[in-house]
């Protein structure tokens, strides 16, 4: 539970609403990092690979929505998480 508190502290404005787009992106990024570390030690776990692809596509859709709605918050989320922006945006 301490990791969830850390993610909540990272959120802009202290918004703990899990329906908030930025918080969903933070939680998905945490899950992606967990599955990525799992796949480094278990490279033939194909069901986890499929789950990772689903999480990445969900995060991509949320980032697209956030860039359309609030560009400033989108840029802050990308910088804080250290992930790349979307191509062509």
N, C-alpha and C. Protein backbone atom coordinates (compact mmCIF):
# COMPACT_ATOMS: atom_id res chain seq x y z
N UNK A 1 0.82 -1.19 0.00
CA UNK A 1 0.00 0.00 0.00
C UNK A 1 0.86 1.26 0.00
N UNK A 2 2.11 1.14 0.40
CA UNK A 2 2.97 2.31 0.44
C UNK A 2 3.24 2.85 -0.97
N UNK A 3 3.28 1.97 -1.97
CA UNK A 3 3.50 2.42 -3.35
C UNK A 3 2.31 3.26 -3.83
N UNK A 4 1.11 2.88 -3.42
CA UNK A 4 -0.08 3.64 -3.79
C UNK A 4 -0.04 5.03 -3.15
N UNK A 5 0.41 5.13 -1.94
CA UNK A 5 0.54 6.43 -1.28
C UNK A 5 1.58 7.29 -1.97
N UNK A 6 2.67 6.65 -2.42
CA UNK A 6 3.69 7.38 -3.15
C UNK A 6 3.13 7.94 -4.45
N UNK A 7 2.36 7.13 -5.16
CA UNK A 7 1.75 7.58 -6.41
C UNK A 7 0.76 8.71 -6.13
N UNK A 8 -0.03 8.59 -5.06
CA UNK A 8 -0.96 9.65 -4.70
C UNK A 8 -0.24 10.96 -4.40
N UNK A 9 0.93 10.86 -3.77
CA UNK A 9 1.69 12.06 -3.45
C UNK A 9 2.25 12.71 -4.72
N UNK A 10 2.50 11.91 -5.75
CA UNK A 10 3.05 12.43 -7.00
C UNK A 10 2.01 13.20 -7.81
N UNK A 11 0.74 12.93 -7.56
CA UNK A 11 -0.31 13.52 -8.38
C UNK A 11 -0.33 15.03 -8.25
N UNK A 12 -0.64 15.66 -9.36
CA UNK A 12 -0.69 17.12 -9.37
C UNK A 12 -1.88 17.61 -8.56
N UNK A 13 -1.62 18.52 -7.66
CA UNK A 13 -2.68 19.09 -6.85
C UNK A 13 -3.16 18.18 -5.75
N UNK A 14 -2.52 17.05 -5.53
CA UNK A 14 -2.93 16.15 -4.48
C UNK A 14 -4.27 15.49 -4.75
N UNK A 15 -4.67 15.41 -6.02
CA UNK A 15 -5.96 14.83 -6.37
C UNK A 15 -5.88 13.32 -6.22
N UNK A 16 -6.65 12.76 -5.30
CA UNK A 16 -6.63 11.32 -5.06
C UNK A 16 -7.77 10.61 -5.76
N UNK A 17 -8.50 11.31 -6.58
CA UNK A 17 -9.60 10.72 -7.31
C UNK A 17 -9.05 9.75 -8.35
N UNK A 18 -9.37 8.47 -8.21
CA UNK A 18 -8.82 7.47 -9.13
C UNK A 18 -9.48 7.54 -10.50
N UNK A 19 -10.55 8.30 -10.64
CA UNK A 19 -11.16 8.50 -11.95
C UNK A 19 -10.49 9.61 -12.72
N UNK A 20 -9.66 10.39 -12.05
CA UNK A 20 -8.94 11.49 -12.67
C UNK A 20 -7.96 10.90 -13.69
N UNK A 21 -7.91 11.47 -14.88
CA UNK A 21 -7.12 10.91 -15.97
C UNK A 21 -5.65 10.78 -15.61
N UNK A 22 -5.09 11.80 -14.97
CA UNK A 22 -3.67 11.75 -14.61
C UNK A 22 -3.39 10.64 -13.61
N UNK A 23 -4.30 10.43 -12.66
CA UNK A 23 -4.06 9.37 -11.68
C UNK A 23 -4.15 8.00 -12.33
N UNK A 24 -5.04 7.83 -13.31
CA UNK A 24 -5.11 6.56 -14.01
C UNK A 24 -3.81 6.29 -14.77
N UNK A 25 -3.23 7.34 -15.35
CA UNK A 25 -1.97 7.18 -16.07
C UNK A 25 -0.85 6.80 -15.11
N UNK A 26 -0.84 7.40 -13.92
CA UNK A 26 0.17 7.05 -12.91
C UNK A 26 0.04 5.59 -12.50
N UNK A 27 -1.18 5.14 -12.21
CA UNK A 27 -1.38 3.76 -11.79
C UNK A 27 -1.01 2.79 -12.90
N UNK A 28 -1.37 3.10 -14.14
CA UNK A 28 -1.02 2.22 -15.26
C UNK A 28 0.49 2.16 -15.45
N UNK A 29 1.17 3.28 -15.26
CA UNK A 29 2.63 3.29 -15.39
C UNK A 29 3.27 2.41 -14.33
N UNK A 30 2.72 2.45 -13.12
CA UNK A 30 3.24 1.59 -12.04
C UNK A 30 3.03 0.12 -12.41
N UNK A 31 1.86 -0.22 -12.93
CA UNK A 31 1.59 -1.61 -13.31
C UNK A 31 2.49 -2.04 -14.46
N UNK A 32 2.73 -1.15 -15.42
CA UNK A 32 3.61 -1.47 -16.54
C UNK A 32 5.02 -1.76 -16.03
N UNK A 33 5.50 -0.97 -15.07
CA UNK A 33 6.85 -1.21 -14.55
C UNK A 33 6.93 -2.55 -13.81
N UNK A 34 5.86 -2.91 -13.10
CA UNK A 34 5.85 -4.20 -12.41
C UNK A 34 5.88 -5.35 -13.40
N UNK A 35 5.06 -5.29 -14.43
CA UNK A 35 5.01 -6.38 -15.40
C UNK A 35 6.31 -6.44 -16.21
N UNK A 36 6.89 -5.31 -16.51
CA UNK A 36 8.15 -5.28 -17.24
C UNK A 36 9.26 -5.96 -16.45
N UNK A 37 9.33 -5.66 -15.16
CA UNK A 37 10.35 -6.32 -14.34
C UNK A 37 10.09 -7.82 -14.24
N UNK A 38 8.83 -8.23 -14.22
CA UNK A 38 8.50 -9.65 -14.20
C UNK A 38 8.93 -10.32 -15.50
N UNK A 39 8.71 -9.65 -16.62
CA UNK A 39 9.05 -10.25 -17.91
C UNK A 39 10.55 -10.32 -18.14
N UNK A 40 11.33 -9.51 -17.44
CA UNK A 40 12.79 -9.62 -17.57
C UNK A 40 13.29 -10.95 -17.01
N UNK A 41 12.65 -11.44 -15.97
CA UNK A 41 13.07 -12.71 -15.40
C UNK A 41 12.29 -13.90 -15.96
N UNK A 42 11.15 -13.65 -16.61
CA UNK A 42 10.34 -14.71 -17.21
C UNK A 42 9.99 -14.32 -18.65
N UNK A 43 10.96 -14.44 -19.57
CA UNK A 43 10.74 -13.93 -20.92
C UNK A 43 9.71 -14.70 -21.75
N UNK A 44 9.37 -15.92 -21.36
CA UNK A 44 8.42 -16.72 -22.14
C UNK A 44 7.01 -16.69 -21.56
N UNK A 45 6.73 -15.76 -20.69
CA UNK A 45 5.40 -15.63 -20.10
C UNK A 45 4.53 -14.80 -21.05
N UNK A 46 3.93 -15.48 -22.01
CA UNK A 46 3.22 -14.79 -23.07
C UNK A 46 1.92 -14.16 -22.60
N UNK A 47 1.27 -14.74 -21.61
CA UNK A 47 0.04 -14.14 -21.11
C UNK A 47 0.33 -12.79 -20.43
N UNK A 48 1.47 -12.69 -19.78
CA UNK A 48 1.85 -11.40 -19.19
C UNK A 48 2.20 -10.39 -20.27
N UNK A 49 2.78 -10.86 -21.37
CA UNK A 49 3.08 -9.95 -22.48
C UNK A 49 1.79 -9.35 -23.06
N UNK A 50 0.77 -10.19 -23.20
CA UNK A 50 -0.51 -9.71 -23.72
C UNK A 50 -1.12 -8.70 -22.74
N UNK A 51 -1.03 -8.99 -21.45
CA UNK A 51 -1.52 -8.05 -20.45
C UNK A 51 -0.77 -6.73 -20.49
N UNK A 52 0.54 -6.79 -20.72
CA UNK A 52 1.34 -5.58 -20.83
C UNK A 52 0.91 -4.75 -22.04
N UNK A 53 0.67 -5.42 -23.16
CA UNK A 53 0.22 -4.69 -24.36
C UNK A 53 -1.11 -4.01 -24.12
N UNK A 54 -2.01 -4.68 -23.39
CA UNK A 54 -3.32 -4.07 -23.10
C UNK A 54 -3.17 -2.84 -22.21
N UNK A 55 -2.29 -2.94 -21.20
CA UNK A 55 -2.07 -1.80 -20.32
C UNK A 55 -1.45 -0.63 -21.09
N UNK A 56 -0.50 -0.94 -21.97
CA UNK A 56 0.15 0.12 -22.75
C UNK A 56 -0.84 0.81 -23.69
N UNK A 57 -1.74 0.02 -24.29
CA UNK A 57 -2.71 0.65 -25.19
C UNK A 57 -3.72 1.49 -24.41
N UNK A 58 -4.10 1.05 -23.22
CA UNK A 58 -5.00 1.85 -22.38
C UNK A 58 -4.34 3.15 -21.96
N UNK A 59 -3.05 3.07 -21.59
CA UNK A 59 -2.32 4.28 -21.20
C UNK A 59 -2.17 5.22 -22.39
N UNK A 60 -1.95 4.67 -23.58
CA UNK A 60 -1.83 5.50 -24.77
C UNK A 60 -3.13 6.24 -25.06
N UNK A 61 -4.27 5.56 -24.92
CA UNK A 61 -5.56 6.21 -25.14
C UNK A 61 -5.79 7.31 -24.12
N UNK A 62 -5.43 7.07 -22.86
CA UNK A 62 -5.59 8.10 -21.84
C UNK A 62 -4.68 9.29 -22.09
N UNK A 63 -3.46 9.04 -22.54
CA UNK A 63 -2.55 10.14 -22.86
C UNK A 63 -3.07 10.96 -24.04
N UNK A 64 -3.67 10.31 -25.02
CA UNK A 64 -4.26 11.02 -26.14
C UNK A 64 -5.39 11.91 -25.67
N UNK A 65 -6.25 11.37 -24.82
CA UNK A 65 -7.37 12.15 -24.28
C UNK A 65 -6.85 13.34 -23.47
N UNK A 66 -5.85 13.10 -22.64
CA UNK A 66 -5.32 14.17 -21.80
C UNK A 66 -4.65 15.26 -22.64
N UNK A 67 -3.97 14.87 -23.71
CA UNK A 67 -3.34 15.88 -24.56
C UNK A 67 -4.38 16.74 -25.27
N UNK A 68 -5.53 16.15 -25.60
CA UNK A 68 -6.59 16.92 -26.24
C UNK A 68 -7.29 17.85 -25.26
N UNK A 69 -7.46 17.41 -24.02
CA UNK A 69 -8.23 18.18 -23.04
C UNK A 69 -7.38 19.21 -22.29
N UNK A 70 -6.19 18.81 -21.83
CA UNK A 70 -5.39 19.69 -20.99
C UNK A 70 -3.91 19.49 -21.33
N UNK A 71 -3.40 20.29 -22.22
CA UNK A 71 -2.03 20.13 -22.72
C UNK A 71 -0.99 20.37 -21.63
N UNK A 72 -1.23 21.34 -20.77
CA UNK A 72 -0.28 21.64 -19.70
C UNK A 72 -0.12 20.49 -18.73
N UNK A 73 -1.23 19.91 -18.33
CA UNK A 73 -1.18 18.75 -17.43
C UNK A 73 -0.53 17.56 -18.13
N UNK A 74 -0.80 17.41 -19.42
CA UNK A 74 -0.21 16.32 -20.19
C UNK A 74 1.32 16.41 -20.17
N UNK A 75 1.84 17.60 -20.38
CA UNK A 75 3.29 17.80 -20.38
C UNK A 75 3.88 17.53 -19.01
N UNK A 76 3.19 17.99 -17.95
CA UNK A 76 3.69 17.76 -16.58
C UNK A 76 3.71 16.27 -16.24
N UNK A 77 2.68 15.54 -16.67
CA UNK A 77 2.61 14.10 -16.39
C UNK A 77 3.74 13.38 -17.11
N UNK A 78 4.00 13.74 -18.36
CA UNK A 78 5.08 13.10 -19.12
C UNK A 78 6.43 13.35 -18.48
N UNK A 79 6.67 14.58 -18.05
CA UNK A 79 7.96 14.90 -17.42
C UNK A 79 8.12 14.18 -16.09
N UNK A 80 7.06 14.15 -15.29
CA UNK A 80 7.16 13.54 -13.97
C UNK A 80 7.36 12.03 -14.06
N UNK A 81 6.70 11.40 -15.04
CA UNK A 81 6.82 9.95 -15.18
C UNK A 81 8.05 9.55 -15.99
N UNK A 82 8.58 10.46 -16.78
CA UNK A 82 9.74 10.14 -17.60
C UNK A 82 9.42 9.23 -18.76
N UNK A 83 8.22 9.40 -19.35
CA UNK A 83 7.85 8.60 -20.50
C UNK A 83 7.81 9.50 -21.73
N UNK A 84 7.86 8.88 -22.90
CA UNK A 84 7.85 9.63 -24.14
C UNK A 84 6.45 10.13 -24.45
N UNK A 85 6.41 11.19 -25.23
CA UNK A 85 5.14 11.69 -25.71
C UNK A 85 4.64 10.88 -26.88
N UNK A 86 3.45 11.19 -27.33
CA UNK A 86 2.87 10.49 -28.46
C UNK A 86 3.44 11.02 -29.76
N UNK A 87 3.55 10.17 -30.76
CA UNK A 87 4.06 10.59 -32.05
C UNK A 87 3.05 11.53 -32.72
N UNK A 88 3.53 12.61 -33.29
CA UNK A 88 2.67 13.51 -34.02
C UNK A 88 1.82 14.41 -33.15
N UNK A 89 2.10 14.48 -31.85
CA UNK A 89 1.32 15.34 -30.96
C UNK A 89 2.23 16.26 -30.22
